[in-house]
Amino acid sequence: MSFATAINCMDGRVQLPVIHWMKEKYGVDYIDMITEAGPNKTLLEGSSSQLEEIKKKVLVSTEKHDSKVIAVAGHHDCAGNPVDRPQKEKEIRRSVELIEKWELGATVLGLYVNENWEVEMITE
C-alpha cells in the first residue's frame, strides 16, 4: 500500500478530483486527506494551534503511512477563502513554501481545482 497526502478544502466538490489526479500522477493507492475550509488561508493566517493540528496530521501521513508527496490544494468558488484565482495561486505557493520548511522528506506541490473541477499543478 502506498500513500500521498492532500491538504485540501472541506468542499466536497474538490475531494474526488484531487484524489483521482494524485493517484494517477503518483501511482499511489491512497490519499490521506486533511481538510479545512479554505486551507491556504488557514495555513497562512490561522492560529498557531490550527497550524499545529494540520502539521500533526501531515506527520501521521508521512511517518505512519510513509507518504512521500504532499499536495496543498486551493479551488475555484471557495466559500472558506473567497479570493480570485491570482490571489489563490499566490497563497498556494506560499503554503507550499511553508510546508517545505517543515522538512518532512516529502515532495510538496501546489494544486488548483478550476471552475470545471479539473486539477492544475501550480508548483512542482
Protein backbone atom coordinates (compact mmCIF):
# COMPACT_ATOMS: atom_id res chain seq x y z
CA MET A 1 0.00 0.00 0.00
CA SER A 2 1.28 3.44 -0.89
CA PHE A 3 0.08 6.84 0.27
CA ALA A 4 0.22 10.50 -0.64
CA THR A 5 -1.17 13.44 1.35
CA ALA A 6 -3.52 16.25 0.36
CA ILE A 7 -4.25 19.36 2.40
CA ASN A 8 -7.49 20.21 0.73
CA CYS A 9 -10.66 22.22 1.20
CA MET A 10 -13.54 20.57 3.01
CA ASP A 11 -15.74 21.40 -0.02
CA GLY A 12 -16.98 18.05 -1.32
CA ARG A 13 -16.66 19.16 -4.92
CA VAL A 14 -12.87 19.07 -4.78
CA GLN A 15 -12.28 15.79 -2.95
CA LEU A 16 -12.60 13.33 -5.83
CA PRO A 17 -10.80 15.43 -8.46
CA VAL A 18 -7.76 15.76 -6.17
CA ILE A 19 -7.84 12.09 -5.15
CA HIS A 20 -8.09 10.84 -8.74
CA TRP A 21 -5.41 13.24 -10.01
CA MET A 22 -2.92 12.34 -7.27
CA LYS A 23 -3.49 8.60 -7.63
CA GLU A 24 -2.93 8.81 -11.38
CA LYS A 25 0.01 11.23 -11.26
CA TYR A 26 1.92 9.48 -8.47
CA GLY A 27 0.71 5.89 -8.76
CA VAL A 28 -0.33 5.65 -5.12
CA ASP A 29 -3.12 3.55 -3.66
CA TYR A 30 -4.49 6.01 -1.12
CA ILE A 31 -4.64 9.73 -0.39
CA ASP A 32 -4.62 10.88 3.22
CA MET A 33 -6.99 13.86 3.11
CA ILE A 34 -6.54 16.69 5.60
CA THR A 35 -9.39 19.15 5.17
CA GLU A 36 -10.07 22.72 6.21
CA ALA A 37 -12.43 25.41 4.97
CA GLY A 38 -10.01 27.42 2.84
CA PRO A 39 -6.83 25.52 3.78
CA ASN A 40 -4.45 28.07 2.23
CA LYS A 41 -5.91 30.84 4.34
CA THR A 42 -5.72 28.63 7.43
CA LEU A 43 -2.08 27.74 6.75
CA LEU A 44 -1.08 31.37 6.20
CA GLU A 45 -3.35 33.25 8.61
CA GLY A 46 -4.68 30.69 11.05
CA SER A 47 -3.79 30.42 14.70
CA SER A 48 -0.69 28.58 15.82
CA SER A 49 -2.93 25.82 17.21
CA GLN A 50 -4.64 25.41 13.82
CA LEU A 51 -1.27 25.17 12.12
CA GLU A 52 -0.03 22.64 14.66
CA GLU A 53 -3.14 20.48 14.13
CA ILE A 54 -2.54 20.40 10.39
CA LYS A 55 1.14 19.63 10.88
CA LYS A 56 0.31 16.83 13.35
CA LYS A 57 -1.98 15.21 10.76
CA VAL A 58 0.60 15.57 8.00
CA LEU A 59 3.15 13.90 10.28
CA VAL A 60 0.84 10.91 10.75
CA SER A 61 0.70 10.58 6.98
CA THR A 62 4.44 10.96 6.41
CA GLU A 63 5.61 8.96 9.42
CA LYS A 64 2.99 6.22 9.70
CA HIS A 65 1.92 5.88 6.06
CA ASP A 66 5.29 6.81 4.54
CA SER A 67 3.73 9.46 2.30
CA LYS A 68 6.35 10.99 0.01
CA VAL A 69 4.10 13.56 -1.70
CA ILE A 70 2.13 16.36 -0.02
CA ALA A 71 -0.24 18.48 -2.09
CA VAL A 72 -1.72 21.78 -0.96
CA ALA A 73 -4.89 22.50 -2.91
CA GLY A 74 -6.99 25.57 -3.48
CA HIS A 75 -10.04 25.86 -5.68
CA HIS A 76 -12.45 27.99 -7.64
CA ASP A 77 -15.52 29.24 -5.75
CA CYS A 78 -14.13 28.55 -2.27
CA ALA A 79 -16.51 29.72 0.45
CA GLY A 80 -13.83 29.45 3.14
CA ASN A 81 -11.37 31.67 1.25
CA PRO A 82 -13.28 33.65 -1.40
CA VAL A 83 -10.44 35.32 -3.31
CA ASP A 84 -9.75 35.48 -7.05
CA ARG A 85 -7.56 32.95 -8.82
CA PRO A 86 -4.36 35.06 -8.95
CA GLN A 87 -4.55 35.62 -5.18
CA LYS A 88 -5.35 31.94 -4.57
CA GLU A 89 -2.32 30.89 -6.62
CA LYS A 90 -0.08 33.20 -4.57
CA GLU A 91 -1.46 31.66 -1.38
CA ILE A 92 -0.92 28.14 -2.71
CA ARG A 93 2.72 28.96 -3.50
CA ARG A 94 3.26 30.49 -0.06
CA SER A 95 1.59 27.47 1.59
CA VAL A 96 3.92 25.12 -0.29
CA GLU A 97 6.92 27.17 0.90
CA LEU A 98 5.65 26.96 4.48
CA ILE A 99 5.23 23.19 4.41
CA GLU A 100 8.63 22.73 2.76
CA LYS A 101 10.13 24.42 5.84
CA TRP A 102 8.76 21.55 7.95
CA GLU A 103 11.43 19.35 6.27
CA LEU A 104 9.32 16.20 6.13
CA GLY A 105 11.32 14.41 3.46
CA ALA A 106 8.42 14.61 1.02
CA THR A 107 7.80 16.45 -2.23
CA VAL A 108 5.41 19.36 -1.64
CA LEU A 109 3.33 20.67 -4.51
CA GLY A 110 0.53 23.13 -5.08
CA LEU A 111 -2.72 22.34 -6.89
CA TYR A 112 -5.59 24.45 -8.12
CA VAL A 113 -9.01 22.97 -8.92
CA ASN A 114 -10.54 25.15 -11.62
CA GLU A 115 -14.15 26.06 -12.45
CA ASN A 116 -14.50 22.77 -14.41
CA TRP A 117 -13.33 20.80 -11.34
CA GLU A 118 -10.10 19.88 -13.11
CA VAL A 119 -6.82 19.78 -11.20
CA GLU A 120 -3.99 22.03 -12.38
CA MET A 121 -0.47 21.92 -10.94
CA ILE A 122 0.65 25.35 -9.69
CA THR A 123 4.01 24.33 -8.25
CA GLU A 124 6.10 21.22 -8.53
